[in-house]
Amino acid sequence: VIWLDESVEILVKRLMEEKAHRPLIANLSDKDLTKFIQDKLVERHSFYSQADFRLSSDQINDAKLKQIIQQHA
């Protein structure tokens, strides 16, 4: 399991572009969306932290993912 760990800011930016297609967040303001994401990350952290690998956005690239998958497939 690979945890692709993104910052709240990047997650907000991505989700803002898709709000209309996501009923759970469709009616949230920008401020409320940020709070929602922060809360969900805290709520889910115990599950995410069980991943075998954790990559932050500055570590993610095709070569790194391919290497991890090939070594542990």
PDB file of N, CA and C in Angstrom:
ATOM      1  N   VAL A   1       0.849  -1.175   0.000  1.00  0.00           N
ATOM      2  CA  VAL A   1       0.000   0.000   0.000  1.00  0.00           C
ATOM      3  C   VAL A   1       0.894   1.237   0.000  1.00  0.00           C
ATOM      4  N   ILE A   2       0.593   2.173  -0.885  1.00  0.00           N
ATOM      5  CA  ILE A   2       1.342   3.421  -0.980  1.00  0.00           C
ATOM      6  C   ILE A   2       0.429   4.578  -0.597  1.00  0.00           C
ATOM      7  N   TRP A   3       0.874   5.386   0.346  1.00  0.00           N
ATOM      8  CA  TRP A   3       0.141   6.581   0.775  1.00  0.00           C
ATOM      9  C   TRP A   3       0.746   7.768   0.035  1.00  0.00           C
ATOM     10  N   LEU A   4      -0.027   8.368  -0.858  1.00  0.00           N
ATOM     11  CA  LEU A   4       0.398   9.568  -1.565  1.00  0.00           C
ATOM     12  C   LEU A   4      -0.066  10.760  -0.738  1.00  0.00           C
ATOM     13  N   ASP A   5       0.809  11.265   0.073  1.00  0.00           N
ATOM     14  CA  ASP A   5       0.495  12.296   1.057  1.00  0.00           C
ATOM     15  C   ASP A   5       0.610  13.685   0.434  1.00  0.00           C
ATOM     16  N   GLU A   6      -0.513  14.354   0.304  1.00  0.00           N
ATOM     17  CA  GLU A   6      -0.566  15.693  -0.278  1.00  0.00           C
ATOM     18  C   GLU A   6      -0.854  16.726   0.794  1.00  0.00           C
ATOM     19  N   SER A   7      -0.465  17.953   0.530  1.00  0.00           N
ATOM     20  CA  SER A   7      -0.778  19.040   1.451  1.00  0.00           C
ATOM     21  C   SER A   7      -2.261  19.384   1.347  1.00  0.00           C
ATOM     22  N   VAL A   8      -2.785  19.980   2.390  1.00  0.00           N
ATOM     23  CA  VAL A   8      -4.184  20.416   2.396  1.00  0.00           C
ATOM     24  C   VAL A   8      -4.424  21.383   1.244  1.00  0.00           C
ATOM     25  N   GLU A   9      -3.483  22.283   1.007  1.00  0.00           N
ATOM     26  CA  GLU A   9      -3.639  23.282  -0.044  1.00  0.00           C
ATOM     27  C   GLU A   9      -3.812  22.645  -1.418  1.00  0.00           C
ATOM     28  N   ILE A  10      -3.012  21.639  -1.714  1.00  0.00           N
ATOM     29  CA  ILE A  10      -3.113  20.964  -3.011  1.00  0.00           C
ATOM     30  C   ILE A  10      -4.426  20.199  -3.102  1.00  0.00           C
ATOM     31  N   LEU A  11      -4.821  19.532  -2.031  1.00  0.00           N
ATOM     32  CA  LEU A  11      -6.091  18.806  -2.042  1.00  0.00           C
ATOM     33  C   LEU A  11      -7.267  19.753  -2.250  1.00  0.00           C
ATOM     34  N   VAL A  12      -7.238  20.911  -1.595  1.00  0.00           N
ATOM     35  CA  VAL A  12      -8.312  21.894  -1.768  1.00  0.00           C
ATOM     36  C   VAL A  12      -8.365  22.351  -3.221  1.00  0.00           C
ATOM     37  N   LYS A  13      -7.218  22.671  -3.779  1.00  0.00           N
ATOM     38  CA  LYS A  13      -7.169  23.125  -5.174  1.00  0.00           C
ATOM     39  C   LYS A  13      -7.760  22.079  -6.115  1.00  0.00           C
ATOM     40  N   ARG A  14      -7.372  20.830  -5.948  1.00  0.00           N
ATOM     41  CA  ARG A  14      -7.879  19.757  -6.810  1.00  0.00           C
ATOM     42  C   ARG A  14      -9.382  19.555  -6.635  1.00  0.00           C
ATOM     43  N   LEU A  15      -9.830  19.553  -5.391  1.00  0.00           N
ATOM     44  CA  LEU A  15     -11.249  19.309  -5.138  1.00  0.00           C
ATOM     45  C   LEU A  15     -12.127  20.482  -5.555  1.00  0.00           C
ATOM     46  N   MET A  16     -11.604  21.696  -5.510  1.00  0.00           N
ATOM     47  CA  MET A  16     -12.376  22.861  -5.958  1.00  0.00           C
ATOM     48  C   MET A  16     -12.778  22.709  -7.423  1.00  0.00           C
ATOM     49  N   GLU A  17     -11.913  22.098  -8.203  1.00  0.00           N
ATOM     50  CA  GLU A  17     -12.169  21.903  -9.629  1.00  0.00           C
ATOM     51  C   GLU A  17     -13.224  20.830  -9.881  1.00  0.00           C
ATOM     52  N   GLU A  18     -13.507  19.997  -8.897  1.00  0.00           N
ATOM     53  CA  GLU A  18     -14.428  18.875  -9.076  1.00  0.00           C
ATOM     54  C   GLU A  18     -15.633  18.925  -8.148  1.00  0.00           C
ATOM     55  N   LYS A  19     -15.827  20.042  -7.462  1.00  0.00           N
ATOM     56  CA  LYS A  19     -16.899  20.123  -6.465  1.00  0.00           C
ATOM     57  C   LYS A  19     -18.263  19.734  -7.021  1.00  0.00           C
ATOM     58  N   ALA A  20     -18.567  20.141  -8.214  1.00  0.00           N
ATOM     59  CA  ALA A  20     -19.883  19.874  -8.796  1.00  0.00           C
ATOM     60  C   ALA A  20     -20.149  18.377  -8.947  1.00  0.00           C
ATOM     61  N   HIS A  21     -19.100  17.597  -9.047  1.00  0.00           N
ATOM     62  CA  HIS A  21     -19.234  16.149  -9.244  1.00  0.00           C
ATOM     63  C   HIS A  21     -19.076  15.356  -7.946  1.00  0.00           C
ATOM     64  N   ARG A  22     -18.959  16.055  -6.832  1.00  0.00           N
ATOM     65  CA  ARG A  22     -18.757  15.405  -5.535  1.00  0.00           C
ATOM     66  C   ARG A  22     -19.814  15.905  -4.556  1.00  0.00           C
ATOM     67  N   PRO A  23     -20.898  15.159  -4.428  1.00  0.00           N
ATOM     68  CA  PRO A  23     -22.032  15.607  -3.603  1.00  0.00           C
ATOM     69  C   PRO A  23     -21.676  15.956  -2.160  1.00  0.00           C
ATOM     70  N   LEU A  24     -20.726  15.276  -1.577  1.00  0.00           N
ATOM     71  CA  LEU A  24     -20.374  15.516  -0.180  1.00  0.00           C
ATOM     72  C   LEU A  24     -19.786  16.912   0.051  1.00  0.00           C
ATOM     73  N   ILE A  25     -19.149  17.470  -0.977  1.00  0.00           N
ATOM     74  CA  ILE A  25     -18.511  18.784  -0.825  1.00  0.00           C
ATOM     75  C   ILE A  25     -19.103  19.857  -1.733  1.00  0.00           C
ATOM     76  N   ALA A  26     -20.075  19.505  -2.519  1.00  0.00           N
ATOM     77  CA  ALA A  26     -20.606  20.419  -3.539  1.00  0.00           C
ATOM     78  C   ALA A  26     -21.059  21.761  -2.987  1.00  0.00           C
ATOM     79  N   ASN A  27     -21.613  21.790  -1.799  1.00  0.00           N
ATOM     80  CA  ASN A  27     -22.165  23.026  -1.247  1.00  0.00           C
ATOM     81  C   ASN A  27     -21.277  23.692  -0.199  1.00  0.00           C
ATOM     82  N   LEU A  28     -20.041  23.243  -0.074  1.00  0.00           N
ATOM     83  CA  LEU A  28     -19.132  23.830   0.909  1.00  0.00           C
ATOM     84  C   LEU A  28     -18.439  25.069   0.345  1.00  0.00           C
ATOM     85  N   SER A  29     -18.278  26.079   1.181  1.00  0.00           N
ATOM     86  CA  SER A  29     -17.495  27.255   0.792  1.00  0.00           C
ATOM     87  C   SER A  29     -16.018  26.858   0.772  1.00  0.00           C
ATOM     88  N   ASP A  30     -15.181  27.734   0.236  1.00  0.00           N
ATOM     89  CA  ASP A  30     -13.744  27.447   0.214  1.00  0.00           C
ATOM     90  C   ASP A  30     -13.209  27.211   1.627  1.00  0.00           C
ATOM     91  N   LYS A  31     -13.613  28.054   2.563  1.00  0.00           N
ATOM     92  CA  LYS A  31     -13.163  27.929   3.954  1.00  0.00           C
ATOM     93  C   LYS A  31     -13.658  26.619   4.565  1.00  0.00           C
ATOM     94  N   ASP A  32     -14.926  26.294   4.316  1.00  0.00           N
ATOM     95  CA  ASP A  32     -15.486  25.055   4.857  1.00  0.00           C
ATOM     96  C   ASP A  32     -14.847  23.826   4.214  1.00  0.00           C
ATOM     97  N   LEU A  33     -14.508  23.919   2.938  1.00  0.00           N
ATOM     98  CA  LEU A  33     -13.852  22.805   2.261  1.00  0.00           C
ATOM     99  C   LEU A  33     -12.479  22.547   2.883  1.00  0.00           C
ATOM    100  N   THR A  34     -11.745  23.603   3.156  1.00  0.00           N
ATOM    101  CA  THR A  34     -10.436  23.459   3.794  1.00  0.00           C
ATOM    102  C   THR A  34     -10.576  22.779   5.151  1.00  0.00           C
ATOM    103  N   LYS A  35     -11.524  23.216   5.945  1.00  0.00           N
ATOM    104  CA  LYS A  35     -11.768  22.617   7.264  1.00  0.00           C
ATOM    105  C   LYS A  35     -12.190  21.157   7.129  1.00  0.00           C
ATOM    106  N   PHE A  36     -13.050  20.873   6.163  1.00  0.00           N
ATOM    107  CA  PHE A  36     -13.518  19.512   5.909  1.00  0.00           C
ATOM    108  C   PHE A  36     -12.329  18.593   5.596  1.00  0.00           C
ATOM    109  N   ILE A  37     -11.442  19.047   4.721  1.00  0.00           N
ATOM    110  CA  ILE A  37     -10.284  18.240   4.341  1.00  0.00           C
ATOM    111  C   ILE A  37      -9.358  18.034   5.538  1.00  0.00           C
ATOM    112  N   GLN A  38      -9.107  19.090   6.282  1.00  0.00           N
ATOM    113  CA  GLN A  38      -8.265  18.964   7.478  1.00  0.00           C
ATOM    114  C   GLN A  38      -8.847  17.937   8.449  1.00  0.00           C
ATOM    115  N   ASP A  39     -10.144  18.017   8.670  1.00  0.00           N
ATOM    116  CA  ASP A  39     -10.803  17.077   9.586  1.00  0.00           C
ATOM    117  C   ASP A  39     -10.714  15.644   9.078  1.00  0.00           C
ATOM    118  N   LYS A  40     -10.935  15.449   7.782  1.00  0.00           N
ATOM    119  CA  LYS A  40     -10.877  14.098   7.207  1.00  0.00           C
ATOM    120  C   LYS A  40      -9.470  13.521   7.289  1.00  0.00           C
ATOM    121  N   LEU A  41      -8.462  14.350   7.069  1.00  0.00           N
ATOM    122  CA  LEU A  41      -7.090  13.857   7.167  1.00  0.00           C
ATOM    123  C   LEU A  41      -6.767  13.410   8.587  1.00  0.00           C
ATOM    124  N   VAL A  42      -7.206  14.167   9.565  1.00  0.00           N
ATOM    125  CA  VAL A  42      -6.999  13.779  10.968  1.00  0.00           C
ATOM    126  C   VAL A  42      -7.757  12.484  11.262  1.00  0.00           C
ATOM    127  N   GLU A  43      -8.998  12.431  10.828  1.00  0.00           N
ATOM    128  CA  GLU A  43      -9.854  11.264  11.064  1.00  0.00           C
ATOM    129  C   GLU A  43      -9.270   9.998  10.445  1.00  0.00           C
ATOM    130  N   ARG A  44      -8.659  10.118   9.282  1.00  0.00           N
ATOM    131  CA  ARG A  44      -8.171   8.954   8.538  1.00  0.00           C
ATOM    132  C   ARG A  44      -6.695   8.644   8.768  1.00  0.00           C
ATOM    133  N   HIS A  45      -6.004   9.484   9.515  1.00  0.00           N
ATOM    134  CA  HIS A  45      -4.559   9.333   9.672  1.00  0.00           C
ATOM    135  C   HIS A  45      -4.152   7.955  10.185  1.00  0.00           C
ATOM    136  N   SER A  46      -4.885   7.416  11.122  1.00  0.00           N
ATOM    137  CA  SER A  46      -4.517   6.100  11.667  1.00  0.00           C
ATOM    138  C   SER A  46      -4.560   5.016  10.592  1.00  0.00           C
ATOM    139  N   PHE A  47      -5.437   5.178   9.615  1.00  0.00           N
ATOM    140  CA  PHE A  47      -5.512   4.215   8.511  1.00  0.00           C
ATOM    141  C   PHE A  47      -4.398   4.476   7.499  1.00  0.00           C
ATOM    142  N   TYR A  48      -4.220   5.738   7.122  1.00  0.00           N
ATOM    143  CA  TYR A  48      -3.176   6.093   6.156  1.00  0.00           C
ATOM    144  C   TYR A  48      -1.797   5.697   6.664  1.00  0.00           C
ATOM    145  N   SER A  49      -1.563   5.850   7.955  1.00  0.00           N
ATOM    146  CA  SER A  49      -0.239   5.579   8.516  1.00  0.00           C
ATOM    147  C   SER A  49       0.126   4.097   8.493  1.00  0.00           C
ATOM    148  N   GLN A  50      -0.814   3.246   8.168  1.00  0.00           N
ATOM    149  CA  GLN A  50      -0.539   1.819   8.064  1.00  0.00           C
ATOM    150  C   GLN A  50       0.034   1.434   6.704  1.00  0.00           C
ATOM    151  N   ALA A  51       0.131   2.393   5.798  1.00  0.00           N
ATOM    152  CA  ALA A  51       0.661   2.115   4.462  1.00  0.00           C
ATOM    153  C   ALA A  51       2.113   1.654   4.552  1.00  0.00           C
ATOM    154  N   ASP A  52       2.506   0.839   3.594  1.00  0.00           N
ATOM    155  CA  ASP A  52       3.881   0.354   3.550  1.00  0.00           C
ATOM    156  C   ASP A  52       4.856   1.462   3.154  1.00  0.00           C
ATOM    157  N   PHE A  53       4.381   2.374   2.318  1.00  0.00           N
ATOM    158  CA  PHE A  53       5.206   3.481   1.840  1.00  0.00           C
ATOM    159  C   PHE A  53       4.415   4.772   1.921  1.00  0.00           C
ATOM    160  N   ARG A  54       5.117   5.851   2.236  1.00  0.00           N
ATOM    161  CA  ARG A  54       4.499   7.176   2.286  1.00  0.00           C
ATOM    162  C   ARG A  54       5.334   8.108   1.418  1.00  0.00           C
ATOM    163  N   LEU A  55       4.705   8.662   0.403  1.00  0.00           N
ATOM    164  CA  LEU A  55       5.382   9.595  -0.483  1.00  0.00           C
ATOM    165  C   LEU A  55       4.673  10.936  -0.423  1.00  0.00           C
ATOM    166  N   SER A  56       5.434  11.985  -0.186  1.00  0.00           N
ATOM    167  CA  SER A  56       4.844  13.320  -0.233  1.00  0.00           C
ATOM    168  C   SER A  56       4.881  13.810  -1.674  1.00  0.00           C
ATOM    169  N   SER A  57       4.145  14.866  -1.952  1.00  0.00           N
ATOM    170  CA  SER A  57       4.013  15.332  -3.331  1.00  0.00           C
ATOM    171  C   SER A  57       5.350  15.700  -3.963  1.00  0.00           C
ATOM    172  N   ASP A  58       6.313  16.130  -3.170  1.00  0.00           N
ATOM    173  CA  ASP A  58       7.613  16.471  -3.747  1.00  0.00           C
ATOM    174  C   ASP A  58       8.468  15.238  -4.034  1.00  0.00           C
ATOM    175  N   GLN A  59       8.024  14.067  -3.617  1.00  0.00           N
ATOM    176  CA  GLN A  59       8.748  12.822  -3.877  1.00  0.00           C
ATOM    177  C   GLN A  59       8.112  12.004  -4.994  1.00  0.00           C
ATOM    178  N   ILE A  60       6.929  12.378  -5.411  1.00  0.00           N
ATOM    179  CA  ILE A  60       6.179  11.568  -6.360  1.00  0.00           C
ATOM    180  C   ILE A  60       6.649  11.828  -7.784  1.00  0.00           C
ATOM    181  N   ASN A  61       7.030  10.754  -8.441  1.00  0.00           N
ATOM    182  CA  ASN A  61       7.290  10.796  -9.875  1.00  0.00           C
ATOM    183  C   ASN A  61       7.113   9.381 -10.404  1.00  0.00           C
ATOM    184  N   ASP A  62       6.982   9.266 -11.703  1.00  0.00           N
ATOM    185  CA  ASP A  62       6.718   7.964 -12.310  1.00  0.00           C
ATOM    186  C   ASP A  62       7.811   6.951 -11.999  1.00  0.00           C
ATOM    187  N   ALA A  63       9.054   7.387 -12.046  1.00  0.00           N
ATOM    188  CA  ALA A  63      10.168   6.469 -11.815  1.00  0.00           C
ATOM    189  C   ALA A  63      10.143   5.910 -10.393  1.00  0.00           C
ATOM    190  N   LYS A  64       9.870   6.770  -9.416  1.00  0.00           N
ATOM    191  CA  LYS A  64       9.830   6.332  -8.011  1.00  0.00           C
ATOM    192  C   LYS A  64       8.699   5.331  -7.785  1.00  0.00           C
ATOM    193  N   LEU A  65       7.522   5.633  -8.311  1.00  0.00           N
ATOM    194  CA  LEU A  65       6.393   4.710  -8.161  1.00  0.00           C
ATOM    195  C   LEU A  65       6.675   3.377  -8.845  1.00  0.00           C
ATOM    196  N   LYS A  66       7.216   3.438 -10.036  1.00  0.00           N
ATOM    197  CA  LYS A  66       7.535   2.214 -10.776  1.00  0.00           C
ATOM    198  C   LYS A  66       8.539   1.370  -9.994  1.00  0.00           C
ATOM    199  N   GLN A  67       9.550   2.007  -9.426  1.00  0.00           N
ATOM    200  CA  GLN A  67      10.563   1.299  -8.647  1.00  0.00           C
ATOM    201  C   GLN A  67       9.944   0.597  -7.439  1.00  0.00           C
ATOM    202  N   ILE A  68       9.108   1.287  -6.699  1.00  0.00           N
ATOM    203  CA  ILE A  68       8.468   0.697  -5.520  1.00  0.00           C
ATOM    204  C   ILE A  68       7.585  -0.476  -5.921  1.00  0.00           C
ATOM    205  N   ILE A  69       6.800  -0.294  -6.960  1.00  0.00           N
ATOM    206  CA  ILE A  69       5.895  -1.355  -7.408  1.00  0.00           C
ATOM    207  C   ILE A  69       6.678  -2.575  -7.871  1.00  0.00           C
ATOM    208  N   GLN A  70       7.724  -2.370  -8.649  1.00  0.00           N
ATOM    209  CA  GLN A  70       8.508  -3.494  -9.151  1.00  0.00           C
ATOM    210  C   GLN A  70       9.224  -4.238  -8.027  1.00  0.00           C
ATOM    211  N   GLN A  71       9.705  -3.521  -7.042  1.00  0.00           N
ATOM    212  CA  GLN A  71      10.430  -4.160  -5.944  1.00  0.00           C
ATOM    213  C   GLN A  71       9.515  -4.922  -4.995  1.00  0.00           C
ATOM    214  N   HIS A  72       8.246  -4.546  -4.949  1.00  0.00           N
ATOM    215  CA  HIS A  72       7.359  -5.127  -3.947  1.00  0.00           C
ATOM    216  C   HIS A  72       6.112  -5.779  -4.531  1.00  0.00           C
ATOM    217  N   ALA A  73       6.124  -6.030  -5.808  1.00  0.00           N
ATOM    218  CA  ALA A  73       4.956  -6.650  -6.446  1.00  0.00           C
ATOM    219  C   ALA A  73       4.933  -8.142  -6.206  1.00  0.00           C
TER     220      ALA A  73
END
